[in-house]
């Protein structure tokens, strides 16, 4: 009889864990969908606020000790590597002489070239309370916050 009760509790814990993970997965998919929806809507505006990704030189590991995890912090880098490795080999001055207003020449000497790519960022955040069984059996957890981020390219208001 004791084995039966222990087995029932184990099955309950397993099913609860699967449900909680599934619930978080669905919420994460929804936040990504909503972020993509926002980014797509912003990309159709005639004059959106353009964004650019940060240049990252390195990462500082967070409290969990795992590299490239959510609690890690990035250290900002400089755009000089992009300038030297991508823009200068394209000979922007020669291009400017041949084709006035070309996008490559506009990147030369620009301290923030990422703003020239027409990128738009959107994010959406939602919270999910843990299941009552999880709160009673494991711990009384705070609601879990799930964030979705998406990037889109500006369509220059073509619609």
Protein backbone atom coordinates (compact mmCIF):
# COMPACT_ATOMS: atom_id res chain seq x y z
CA UNK A 1 0.00 0.00 0.00
CA UNK A 2 2.85 2.41 0.81
CA UNK A 3 4.45 1.71 -2.57
CA UNK A 4 1.18 2.55 -4.29
CA UNK A 5 0.91 5.93 -2.52
CA UNK A 6 4.56 6.76 -3.27
CA UNK A 7 4.00 5.84 -6.92
CA UNK A 8 0.88 8.03 -7.11
CA UNK A 9 2.76 10.99 -5.63
CA UNK A 10 5.64 10.43 -8.06
CA UNK A 11 3.25 10.28 -11.01
CA UNK A 12 1.50 13.43 -9.79
CA UNK A 13 4.82 15.26 -9.54
CA UNK A 14 5.86 14.09 -13.00
CA UNK A 15 2.57 15.08 -14.63
CA UNK A 16 2.63 18.46 -12.87
CA UNK A 17 6.18 19.13 -14.04
CA UNK A 18 5.25 18.23 -17.62
CA UNK A 19 2.19 20.50 -17.48
CA UNK A 20 4.19 23.39 -16.02
CA UNK A 21 6.91 23.07 -18.65
CA UNK A 22 4.30 22.82 -21.40
CA UNK A 23 2.50 25.89 -20.08
CA UNK A 24 5.75 27.86 -20.08
CA UNK A 25 6.56 26.66 -23.60
CA UNK A 26 3.17 27.83 -24.88
CA UNK A 27 3.56 31.18 -23.15
CA UNK A 28 7.03 31.60 -24.64
CA UNK A 29 5.67 30.87 -28.12
CA UNK A 30 2.91 33.42 -27.56
CA UNK A 31 5.34 36.12 -26.42
CA UNK A 32 7.53 35.48 -29.48
CA UNK A 33 4.47 35.66 -31.72
CA UNK A 34 3.33 38.92 -30.14
CA UNK A 35 6.84 40.40 -30.39
CA UNK A 36 7.01 39.45 -34.07
CA UNK A 37 3.57 40.95 -34.58
CA UNK A 38 4.70 44.24 -33.02
CA UNK A 39 7.95 44.29 -34.97
CA UNK A 40 6.07 43.62 -38.21
CA UNK A 41 3.59 46.41 -37.52
CA UNK A 42 6.41 48.83 -36.68
CA UNK A 43 8.31 47.88 -39.84
CA UNK A 44 5.39 49.12 -41.96
CA UNK A 45 5.36 52.61 -40.46
CA UNK A 46 6.68 55.43 -42.65
CA UNK A 47 8.99 56.78 -39.88
CA UNK A 48 9.63 54.17 -37.18
CA UNK A 49 12.20 54.38 -34.42
CA UNK A 50 15.12 52.39 -35.77
CA UNK A 51 17.25 50.35 -33.41
CA UNK A 52 20.52 48.57 -33.69
CA UNK A 53 22.07 45.70 -31.87
CA UNK A 54 24.89 46.47 -29.46
CA UNK A 55 28.45 45.59 -30.31
CA UNK A 56 29.54 42.95 -27.84
CA UNK A 57 33.19 42.37 -27.08
CA UNK A 58 32.78 39.68 -24.44
CA UNK A 59 30.47 38.18 -21.82
CA UNK A 60 30.70 38.17 -18.04
CA UNK A 61 29.24 34.96 -16.58
CA UNK A 62 26.38 35.42 -14.13
CA UNK A 63 25.63 33.83 -10.80
CA UNK A 64 24.83 30.40 -12.25
CA UNK A 65 28.38 30.05 -13.61
CA UNK A 66 27.14 28.82 -17.00
CA UNK A 67 28.44 30.77 -19.97
CA UNK A 68 26.00 32.38 -22.44
CA UNK A 69 22.99 31.97 -20.15
CA UNK A 70 20.27 34.50 -19.39
CA UNK A 71 21.94 35.98 -16.32
CA UNK A 72 25.21 36.77 -18.14
CA UNK A 73 26.09 40.39 -18.89
CA UNK A 74 27.61 41.62 -22.11
CA UNK A 75 30.53 43.99 -22.32
CA UNK A 76 30.21 46.60 -25.01
CA UNK A 77 32.62 46.61 -27.89
CA UNK A 78 33.51 49.14 -30.54
CA UNK A 79 32.45 49.21 -34.17
CA UNK A 80 36.07 49.43 -35.31
CA UNK A 81 36.20 45.73 -36.10
CA UNK A 82 33.21 46.09 -38.40
CA UNK A 83 34.79 49.12 -40.03
CA UNK A 84 38.13 47.36 -40.59
CA UNK A 85 36.79 43.93 -41.51
CA UNK A 86 33.73 44.73 -43.61
CA UNK A 87 33.53 48.38 -44.68
CA UNK A 88 37.16 49.17 -45.59
CA UNK A 89 37.71 46.06 -47.77
CA UNK A 90 34.73 47.26 -49.84
CA UNK A 91 36.63 50.50 -50.61
CA UNK A 92 33.92 52.96 -49.61
CA UNK A 93 35.68 56.02 -51.07
CA UNK A 94 35.97 54.42 -54.51
CA UNK A 95 32.32 53.37 -54.29
CA UNK A 96 31.32 56.92 -53.32
CA UNK A 97 33.11 58.28 -56.39
CA UNK A 98 31.41 55.74 -58.66
CA UNK A 99 27.95 55.69 -57.09
CA UNK A 100 26.88 58.66 -55.01
CA UNK A 101 24.73 57.82 -51.96
CA UNK A 102 25.48 54.09 -51.89
CA UNK A 103 24.81 52.41 -48.55
CA UNK A 104 28.34 51.04 -48.07
CA UNK A 105 29.97 54.46 -48.21
CA UNK A 106 27.49 55.73 -45.63
CA UNK A 107 28.88 53.14 -43.17
CA UNK A 108 32.47 54.40 -43.44
CA UNK A 109 33.53 56.41 -40.41
CA UNK A 110 30.13 56.06 -38.78
CA UNK A 111 30.51 55.32 -35.04
CA UNK A 112 27.05 53.66 -35.01
CA UNK A 113 26.79 51.84 -38.35
CA UNK A 114 24.19 49.41 -37.02
CA UNK A 115 21.60 52.20 -37.20
CA UNK A 116 21.97 52.25 -41.00
CA UNK A 117 20.61 48.71 -41.42
CA UNK A 118 16.98 49.68 -40.82
CA UNK A 119 16.41 47.24 -37.96
CA UNK A 120 13.39 47.50 -35.68
CA UNK A 121 13.20 45.69 -32.36
CA UNK A 122 10.05 44.76 -30.48
CA UNK A 123 9.54 42.81 -27.30
CA UNK A 124 6.64 41.38 -25.39
CA UNK A 125 6.61 40.18 -21.78
CA UNK A 126 4.03 38.01 -20.03
CA UNK A 127 3.87 36.39 -16.62
CA UNK A 128 2.71 32.92 -15.72
CA UNK A 129 1.87 31.84 -12.19
CA UNK A 130 3.10 28.40 -11.25
CA UNK A 131 0.49 25.68 -10.87
CA UNK A 132 -1.04 25.28 -7.39
CA UNK A 133 0.40 21.78 -7.09
CA UNK A 134 3.88 23.13 -7.82
CA UNK A 135 3.44 25.85 -5.19
CA UNK A 136 2.32 23.32 -2.57
CA UNK A 137 4.71 20.46 -3.33
CA UNK A 138 7.90 22.27 -4.31
CA UNK A 139 7.91 25.92 -3.29
CA UNK A 140 5.74 29.02 -3.35
CA UNK A 141 7.32 30.52 -6.42
CA UNK A 142 6.78 34.00 -7.74
CA UNK A 143 5.10 34.25 -11.12
CA UNK A 144 7.49 33.33 -13.92
CA UNK A 145 8.19 36.13 -16.37
CA UNK A 146 8.63 35.14 -20.01
CA UNK A 147 10.02 37.55 -22.57
CA UNK A 148 10.03 37.40 -26.35
CA UNK A 149 12.16 39.66 -28.55
CA UNK A 150 12.02 39.98 -32.30
CA UNK A 151 13.76 42.02 -34.97
CA UNK A 152 12.34 43.11 -38.30
CA UNK A 153 13.67 45.17 -41.17
CA UNK A 154 12.07 48.47 -42.07
CA UNK A 155 10.08 48.25 -45.29
CA UNK A 156 10.34 52.02 -45.76
CA UNK A 157 6.58 52.40 -45.60
CA UNK A 158 5.88 50.55 -48.85
CA UNK A 159 2.39 49.55 -47.80
